[in-house]
Amino acid sequence: MADLIKAVEANDNENIPQLAAGDTVSVHVKIKEGERERIQEFKGLVIRLRNSGNNASVTVRRMASNGIGVERTFLLRSPRLDKIVVERHGKVRRAQLYFMRGRTGKSARIKEKFV
């Protein structure tokens, strides 16, 4: 049974570091436009992390122009994910940061955790 599960699971991506809620990350995603392929960067705050094998995902929230929040969920074992770079570790006390959706300005800041 374990061999069958291993055959179905996707490979781990070595370019993905250990993540936690509250981290400010830069996600590099492969975008295919016709024949060409390019890498697009999505920089924001990790508000949710799900570690469940093949379905492991991370939700990143960033503030777009005019203060509009944009959230994107990335599958961690997807071949479209090039790499994830952790820029800051945030000091938070919750596993999911859904309350950040209602915050703007100074109240939307998260303190940095020095490791």
N, C-alpha and C. Protein backbone atom coordinates (compact mmCIF):
# COMPACT_ATOMS: atom_id res chain seq x y z
N MET A 1 0.82 -1.20 0.00
CA MET A 1 0.00 0.00 0.00
C MET A 1 0.86 1.26 0.00
N ALA A 2 1.96 1.23 0.76
CA ALA A 2 2.84 2.39 0.82
C ALA A 2 3.52 2.63 -0.53
N ASP A 3 3.83 1.54 -1.26
CA ASP A 3 4.45 1.70 -2.58
C ASP A 3 3.49 2.37 -3.54
N LEU A 4 2.21 2.08 -3.43
CA LEU A 4 1.20 2.67 -4.30
C LEU A 4 1.07 4.17 -4.04
N ILE A 5 1.11 4.56 -2.78
CA ILE A 5 1.02 5.98 -2.42
C ILE A 5 2.25 6.73 -2.92
N LYS A 6 3.44 6.13 -2.78
CA LYS A 6 4.66 6.78 -3.25
C LYS A 6 4.68 6.93 -4.77
N ALA A 7 4.05 6.00 -5.48
CA ALA A 7 4.02 6.08 -6.93
C ALA A 7 3.14 7.23 -7.41
N VAL A 8 2.11 7.59 -6.64
CA VAL A 8 1.17 8.64 -7.03
C VAL A 8 1.68 10.02 -6.62
N GLU A 9 2.42 10.11 -5.53
CA GLU A 9 2.87 11.40 -5.02
C GLU A 9 3.89 12.06 -5.94
N ALA A 10 3.82 13.40 -6.01
CA ALA A 10 4.79 14.18 -6.80
C ALA A 10 6.08 14.33 -6.00
N ASN A 11 7.14 14.68 -6.70
CA ASN A 11 8.44 14.86 -6.05
C ASN A 11 8.49 16.17 -5.29
N ASP A 12 9.32 16.19 -4.24
CA ASP A 12 9.54 17.43 -3.49
C ASP A 12 10.35 18.40 -4.32
N ASN A 13 10.08 19.68 -4.15
CA ASN A 13 10.85 20.72 -4.82
C ASN A 13 11.93 21.20 -3.85
N GLU A 14 13.19 21.13 -4.27
CA GLU A 14 14.30 21.50 -3.39
C GLU A 14 14.41 23.01 -3.20
N ASN A 15 13.76 23.81 -4.07
CA ASN A 15 13.86 25.26 -4.00
C ASN A 15 12.82 25.89 -3.08
N ILE A 16 12.15 25.07 -2.29
CA ILE A 16 11.14 25.58 -1.37
C ILE A 16 11.64 25.40 0.06
N PRO A 17 11.88 26.51 0.77
CA PRO A 17 12.39 26.40 2.14
C PRO A 17 11.26 26.11 3.13
N GLN A 18 11.63 26.03 4.40
CA GLN A 18 10.65 25.85 5.46
C GLN A 18 9.86 27.15 5.62
N LEU A 19 8.54 27.08 5.50
CA LEU A 19 7.68 28.26 5.58
C LEU A 19 6.84 28.23 6.84
N ALA A 20 6.37 29.42 7.24
CA ALA A 20 5.46 29.54 8.38
C ALA A 20 4.55 30.73 8.13
N ALA A 21 3.43 30.76 8.82
CA ALA A 21 2.52 31.89 8.69
C ALA A 21 3.20 33.15 9.21
N GLY A 22 3.02 34.25 8.51
CA GLY A 22 3.64 35.51 8.90
C GLY A 22 4.91 35.83 8.15
N ASP A 23 5.41 34.87 7.37
CA ASP A 23 6.62 35.11 6.58
C ASP A 23 6.30 35.98 5.37
N THR A 24 7.21 36.86 5.03
CA THR A 24 7.11 37.62 3.79
C THR A 24 7.95 36.87 2.77
N VAL A 25 7.29 36.43 1.70
CA VAL A 25 7.96 35.58 0.72
C VAL A 25 7.84 36.17 -0.68
N SER A 26 8.71 35.71 -1.54
CA SER A 26 8.68 36.03 -2.95
C SER A 26 8.56 34.70 -3.70
N VAL A 27 7.41 34.50 -4.35
CA VAL A 27 7.13 33.24 -5.05
C VAL A 27 7.40 33.46 -6.53
N HIS A 28 8.26 32.64 -7.11
CA HIS A 28 8.60 32.72 -8.53
C HIS A 28 7.82 31.62 -9.26
N VAL A 29 6.90 32.04 -10.14
CA VAL A 29 6.00 31.12 -10.84
C VAL A 29 6.30 31.14 -12.32
N LYS A 30 6.29 29.97 -12.94
CA LYS A 30 6.49 29.87 -14.38
C LYS A 30 5.16 30.16 -15.08
N ILE A 31 5.17 31.13 -16.00
CA ILE A 31 4.00 31.51 -16.77
C ILE A 31 4.26 31.17 -18.22
N LYS A 32 3.34 30.46 -18.86
CA LYS A 32 3.49 30.11 -20.26
C LYS A 32 2.57 30.99 -21.09
N GLU A 33 3.16 31.72 -22.02
CA GLU A 33 2.42 32.60 -22.92
C GLU A 33 2.71 32.16 -24.34
N GLY A 34 1.83 31.38 -24.92
CA GLY A 34 2.05 30.87 -26.27
C GLY A 34 3.21 29.89 -26.28
N GLU A 35 4.25 30.20 -27.04
CA GLU A 35 5.43 29.35 -27.13
C GLU A 35 6.45 29.68 -26.04
N ARG A 36 6.42 30.93 -25.55
CA ARG A 36 7.43 31.38 -24.60
C ARG A 36 7.04 31.05 -23.17
N GLU A 37 8.04 30.95 -22.33
CA GLU A 37 7.82 30.73 -20.90
C GLU A 37 8.66 31.74 -20.13
N ARG A 38 8.04 32.37 -19.13
CA ARG A 38 8.76 33.35 -18.33
C ARG A 38 8.45 33.09 -16.87
N ILE A 39 9.19 33.79 -15.99
CA ILE A 39 9.00 33.63 -14.55
C ILE A 39 8.45 34.93 -14.00
N GLN A 40 7.34 34.83 -13.27
CA GLN A 40 6.69 35.99 -12.67
C GLN A 40 6.83 35.89 -11.16
N GLU A 41 7.11 37.03 -10.53
CA GLU A 41 7.31 37.07 -9.09
C GLU A 41 6.03 37.56 -8.40
N PHE A 42 5.63 36.88 -7.34
CA PHE A 42 4.48 37.28 -6.53
C PHE A 42 5.00 37.42 -5.11
N LYS A 43 5.06 38.67 -4.60
CA LYS A 43 5.65 38.96 -3.30
C LYS A 43 4.55 39.34 -2.32
N GLY A 44 4.52 38.67 -1.16
CA GLY A 44 3.50 38.99 -0.19
C GLY A 44 3.69 38.24 1.12
N LEU A 45 2.63 38.22 1.91
CA LEU A 45 2.62 37.65 3.26
C LEU A 45 1.95 36.29 3.25
N VAL A 46 2.56 35.30 3.88
CA VAL A 46 1.96 33.97 4.00
C VAL A 46 0.87 34.05 5.06
N ILE A 47 -0.39 33.84 4.64
CA ILE A 47 -1.47 33.88 5.62
C ILE A 47 -2.00 32.49 5.95
N ARG A 48 -1.66 31.49 5.12
CA ARG A 48 -2.12 30.14 5.40
C ARG A 48 -1.13 29.14 4.83
N LEU A 49 -0.91 28.08 5.55
CA LEU A 49 0.01 27.02 5.11
C LEU A 49 -0.65 25.69 5.40
N ARG A 50 -0.78 24.87 4.37
CA ARG A 50 -1.36 23.53 4.54
C ARG A 50 -0.30 22.52 4.13
N ASN A 51 0.15 21.71 5.08
CA ASN A 51 1.12 20.65 4.80
C ASN A 51 0.41 19.32 4.85
N SER A 52 0.04 18.81 3.69
CA SER A 52 -0.64 17.52 3.66
C SER A 52 -0.19 16.74 2.43
N GLY A 53 1.10 16.43 2.38
CA GLY A 53 1.62 15.58 1.31
C GLY A 53 1.49 16.21 -0.06
N ASN A 54 0.77 15.53 -0.94
CA ASN A 54 0.62 15.98 -2.32
C ASN A 54 -0.20 17.26 -2.42
N ASN A 55 -1.07 17.49 -1.47
CA ASN A 55 -1.95 18.66 -1.50
C ASN A 55 -1.40 19.83 -0.70
N ALA A 56 -0.14 19.84 -0.37
CA ALA A 56 0.46 20.93 0.41
C ALA A 56 0.36 22.22 -0.38
N SER A 57 -0.13 23.27 0.29
CA SER A 57 -0.31 24.55 -0.39
C SER A 57 -0.01 25.69 0.55
N VAL A 58 0.22 26.85 -0.04
CA VAL A 58 0.49 28.06 0.72
C VAL A 58 -0.33 29.18 0.09
N THR A 59 -0.96 30.01 0.92
CA THR A 59 -1.72 31.16 0.44
C THR A 59 -0.94 32.42 0.78
N VAL A 60 -0.69 33.22 -0.25
CA VAL A 60 0.10 34.44 -0.10
C VAL A 60 -0.78 35.63 -0.43
N ARG A 61 -0.73 36.67 0.41
CA ARG A 61 -1.54 37.87 0.22
C ARG A 61 -0.62 39.07 0.03
N ARG A 62 -0.92 39.88 -0.98
CA ARG A 62 -0.17 41.10 -1.20
C ARG A 62 -1.13 42.24 -1.46
N MET A 63 -0.65 43.45 -1.25
CA MET A 63 -1.46 44.63 -1.51
C MET A 63 -1.13 45.14 -2.90
N ALA A 64 -2.14 45.16 -3.77
CA ALA A 64 -1.96 45.67 -5.12
C ALA A 64 -2.19 47.17 -5.13
N SER A 65 -2.31 47.75 -6.30
CA SER A 65 -2.50 49.19 -6.39
C SER A 65 -3.83 49.61 -5.80
N ASN A 66 -3.89 50.81 -5.28
CA ASN A 66 -5.07 51.39 -4.65
C ASN A 66 -5.53 50.63 -3.42
N GLY A 67 -4.63 49.91 -2.76
CA GLY A 67 -4.96 49.23 -1.52
C GLY A 67 -5.85 48.01 -1.67
N ILE A 68 -5.88 47.41 -2.84
CA ILE A 68 -6.69 46.21 -3.06
C ILE A 68 -5.84 44.99 -2.75
N GLY A 69 -6.36 44.11 -1.89
CA GLY A 69 -5.64 42.90 -1.51
C GLY A 69 -5.83 41.81 -2.54
N VAL A 70 -4.74 41.13 -2.88
CA VAL A 70 -4.79 40.02 -3.83
C VAL A 70 -4.21 38.80 -3.13
N GLU A 71 -4.97 37.71 -3.15
CA GLU A 71 -4.50 36.46 -2.56
C GLU A 71 -4.35 35.41 -3.64
N ARG A 72 -3.30 34.63 -3.52
CA ARG A 72 -3.07 33.55 -4.46
C ARG A 72 -2.64 32.32 -3.70
N THR A 73 -3.16 31.16 -4.08
CA THR A 73 -2.80 29.90 -3.45
C THR A 73 -1.91 29.11 -4.40
N PHE A 74 -0.79 28.64 -3.88
CA PHE A 74 0.17 27.91 -4.69
C PHE A 74 0.30 26.49 -4.13
N LEU A 75 0.26 25.50 -5.02
CA LEU A 75 0.54 24.13 -4.63
C LEU A 75 2.05 23.97 -4.54
N LEU A 76 2.54 23.48 -3.42
CA LEU A 76 3.98 23.42 -3.18
C LEU A 76 4.68 22.37 -4.04
N ARG A 77 3.96 21.38 -4.51
CA ARG A 77 4.57 20.34 -5.34
C ARG A 77 4.28 20.53 -6.82
N SER A 78 3.82 21.71 -7.20
CA SER A 78 3.50 21.99 -8.59
C SER A 78 4.78 22.18 -9.41
N PRO A 79 4.82 21.68 -10.64
CA PRO A 79 5.99 21.92 -11.48
C PRO A 79 6.06 23.37 -11.98
N ARG A 80 4.99 24.13 -11.86
CA ARG A 80 4.99 25.53 -12.27
C ARG A 80 5.68 26.43 -11.25
N LEU A 81 5.91 25.94 -10.06
CA LEU A 81 6.58 26.72 -9.02
C LEU A 81 8.09 26.60 -9.22
N ASP A 82 8.74 27.73 -9.50
CA ASP A 82 10.18 27.71 -9.73
C ASP A 82 10.93 27.70 -8.40
N LYS A 83 10.66 28.72 -7.56
CA LYS A 83 11.30 28.77 -6.25
C LYS A 83 10.53 29.73 -5.35
N ILE A 84 10.79 29.61 -4.05
CA ILE A 84 10.23 30.52 -3.05
C ILE A 84 11.40 31.06 -2.23
N VAL A 85 11.43 32.39 -2.09
CA VAL A 85 12.49 33.03 -1.32
C VAL A 85 11.86 33.70 -0.10
N VAL A 86 12.31 33.34 1.10
CA VAL A 86 11.80 33.95 2.33
C VAL A 86 12.61 35.22 2.57
N GLU A 87 11.91 36.36 2.61
CA GLU A 87 12.59 37.64 2.81
C GLU A 87 12.58 38.06 4.27
N ARG A 88 11.51 37.74 5.00
CA ARG A 88 11.38 38.08 6.42
C ARG A 88 10.62 36.98 7.12
N HIS A 89 10.97 36.73 8.37
CA HIS A 89 10.18 35.84 9.22
C HIS A 89 9.35 36.72 10.15
N GLY A 90 8.04 36.55 10.14
CA GLY A 90 7.17 37.37 10.96
C GLY A 90 6.89 36.72 12.31
N LYS A 91 6.71 37.57 13.30
CA LYS A 91 6.42 37.10 14.65
C LYS A 91 4.91 37.12 14.83
N VAL A 92 4.28 35.96 14.75
CA VAL A 92 2.82 35.83 14.86
C VAL A 92 2.49 34.74 15.86
N ARG A 93 1.25 34.78 16.34
CA ARG A 93 0.82 33.81 17.34
C ARG A 93 -0.33 32.94 16.84
N ARG A 94 -0.61 33.00 15.56
CA ARG A 94 -1.71 32.23 14.99
C ARG A 94 -1.22 31.41 13.81
N ALA A 95 -1.96 30.36 13.49
CA ALA A 95 -1.60 29.50 12.37
C ALA A 95 -2.15 30.06 11.05
N GLN A 96 -3.33 30.63 11.08
CA GLN A 96 -3.91 31.26 9.90
C GLN A 96 -4.15 32.74 10.20
N LEU A 97 -3.72 33.58 9.29
CA LEU A 97 -3.80 35.02 9.52
C LEU A 97 -4.93 35.65 8.71
N TYR A 98 -6.13 35.11 8.85
CA TYR A 98 -7.27 35.63 8.09
C TYR A 98 -7.65 37.04 8.53
N PHE A 99 -7.30 37.43 9.74
CA PHE A 99 -7.63 38.76 10.24
C PHE A 99 -6.90 39.85 9.46
N MET A 100 -5.85 39.49 8.73
CA MET A 100 -5.10 40.47 7.94
C MET A 100 -5.92 41.01 6.76
N ARG A 101 -6.98 40.30 6.39
CA ARG A 101 -7.82 40.74 5.28
C ARG A 101 -8.52 42.05 5.60
N GLY A 102 -8.81 42.29 6.86
CA GLY A 102 -9.50 43.51 7.26
C GLY A 102 -8.57 44.63 7.68
N ARG A 103 -7.28 44.41 7.63
CA ARG A 103 -6.32 45.41 8.10
C ARG A 103 -5.73 46.20 6.94
N THR A 104 -5.55 47.49 7.16
CA THR A 104 -4.85 48.34 6.19
C THR A 104 -3.94 49.28 6.96
N GLY A 105 -2.96 49.82 6.28
CA GLY A 105 -2.07 50.81 6.89
C GLY A 105 -1.16 50.23 7.94
N LYS A 106 -0.98 50.99 9.04
CA LYS A 106 -0.04 50.58 10.08
C LYS A 106 -0.50 49.34 10.82
N SER A 107 -1.80 49.11 10.92
CA SER A 107 -2.29 47.94 11.65
C SER A 107 -2.04 46.64 10.87
N ALA A 108 -1.65 46.75 9.61
CA ALA A 108 -1.38 45.57 8.80
C ALA A 108 0.08 45.14 8.86
N ARG A 109 0.87 45.80 9.70
CA ARG A 109 2.28 45.44 9.83
C ARG A 109 2.45 44.26 10.77
N ILE A 110 3.47 43.47 10.51
CA ILE A 110 3.83 42.34 11.37
C ILE A 110 5.28 42.52 11.78
N LYS A 111 5.55 42.34 13.08
CA LYS A 111 6.92 42.48 13.58
C LYS A 111 7.80 41.35 13.05
N GLU A 112 9.08 41.68 12.92
CA GLU A 112 10.02 40.70 12.41
C GLU A 112 10.55 39.83 13.53
N LYS A 113 10.66 38.52 13.26
CA LYS A 113 11.21 37.58 14.22
C LYS A 113 12.66 37.33 13.84
N PHE A 114 13.58 37.64 14.73
CA PHE A 114 14.99 37.44 14.46
C PHE A 114 15.39 36.06 14.92
N VAL A 115 15.90 35.28 13.99
CA VAL A 115 16.23 33.88 14.29
C VAL A 115 17.69 33.73 14.62
